[in-house]
Protein backbone atom coordinates (compact mmCIF):
# COMPACT_ATOMS: atom_id res chain seq x y z
CA UNK A 1 140.30 -98.60 14.15
CA UNK A 2 143.97 -98.00 14.69
CA UNK A 3 145.60 -95.17 12.57
CA UNK A 4 148.83 -96.06 10.90
CA UNK A 5 151.37 -93.70 9.14
CA UNK A 6 151.14 -93.59 5.69
CA UNK A 7 147.58 -94.62 5.08
CA UNK A 8 144.74 -92.53 4.18
CA UNK A 9 141.24 -92.34 6.19
CA UNK A 10 137.83 -90.86 6.09
CA UNK A 11 136.18 -89.65 9.18
CA UNK A 12 132.88 -91.26 9.59
CA UNK A 13 131.66 -89.63 12.92
CA UNK A 14 132.82 -88.79 16.45
CA UNK A 15 131.97 -91.50 18.69
CA UNK A 16 131.37 -89.19 21.74
CA UNK A 17 129.74 -86.15 21.44
CA UNK A 18 130.26 -84.89 24.69
CA UNK A 19 134.13 -84.72 24.49
CA UNK A 20 135.16 -80.92 25.08
CA UNK A 21 137.75 -81.18 22.10
CA UNK A 22 135.17 -81.56 19.55
CA UNK A 23 134.72 -77.94 19.00
CA UNK A 24 138.83 -77.50 18.77
CA UNK A 25 138.98 -80.26 16.27
CA UNK A 26 136.21 -79.10 14.35
CA UNK A 27 137.38 -75.46 14.02
CA UNK A 28 140.79 -77.11 12.65
CA UNK A 29 138.71 -78.54 9.82
CA UNK A 30 138.40 -82.20 10.74
CA UNK A 31 134.96 -82.97 10.40
CA UNK A 32 132.51 -85.98 9.18
CA UNK A 33 132.99 -86.81 5.72
CA UNK A 34 136.95 -85.38 5.48
CA UNK A 35 139.51 -87.44 4.25
CA UNK A 36 142.96 -87.24 6.04
CA UNK A 37 146.18 -89.00 5.93
CA UNK A 38 148.44 -89.95 8.83
CA UNK A 39 151.93 -88.67 7.85
CA UNK A 40 153.74 -89.89 10.97
CA UNK A 41 153.05 -91.69 14.37
CA UNK A 42 155.28 -90.45 17.23
CA UNK A 43 154.81 -91.48 20.86
CA UNK A 44 151.56 -90.47 22.16
CA UNK A 45 150.73 -88.23 18.89
CA UNK A 46 149.77 -88.54 15.20
CA UNK A 47 150.68 -85.96 12.53
CA UNK A 48 147.74 -85.91 10.07
CA UNK A 49 147.54 -84.42 6.98
CA UNK A 50 144.08 -82.64 6.10
CA UNK A 51 143.77 -80.62 3.03
CA UNK A 52 146.53 -78.17 3.08
CA UNK A 53 147.01 -78.33 7.02
CA UNK A 54 148.99 -80.57 9.09
CA UNK A 55 147.48 -81.27 12.67
CA UNK A 56 148.89 -82.93 15.64
CA UNK A 57 146.43 -85.37 17.10
CA UNK A 58 146.78 -86.81 20.61
CA UNK A 59 146.21 -90.69 20.53
CA UNK A 60 143.65 -90.44 23.59
CA UNK A 61 141.70 -87.91 21.41
CA UNK A 62 141.82 -90.01 18.25
CA UNK A 63 140.06 -93.12 20.07
CA UNK A 64 136.80 -90.79 19.76
CA UNK A 65 136.96 -90.86 16.09
CA UNK A 66 135.09 -93.39 13.92
CA UNK A 67 137.08 -93.68 10.71
CA UNK A 68 137.43 -96.07 7.89
CA UNK A 69 140.73 -96.62 5.59
CA UNK A 70 140.39 -95.68 2.09
């Protein structure tokens, strides 16, 4: 699913468990069941708001996230 600025999503699962960035993403708080908002889309990255944190997520890494729009 394509992430779009201004929309809210829930992370259902990571589609590829062998991707090296997963431990980094999880340490920043993005885990299964968490809800987040895409604040901005800019070129190759998304700026997402997760709880009280803002995270910059590369679009190539975002492809590995299975999300649903809420």
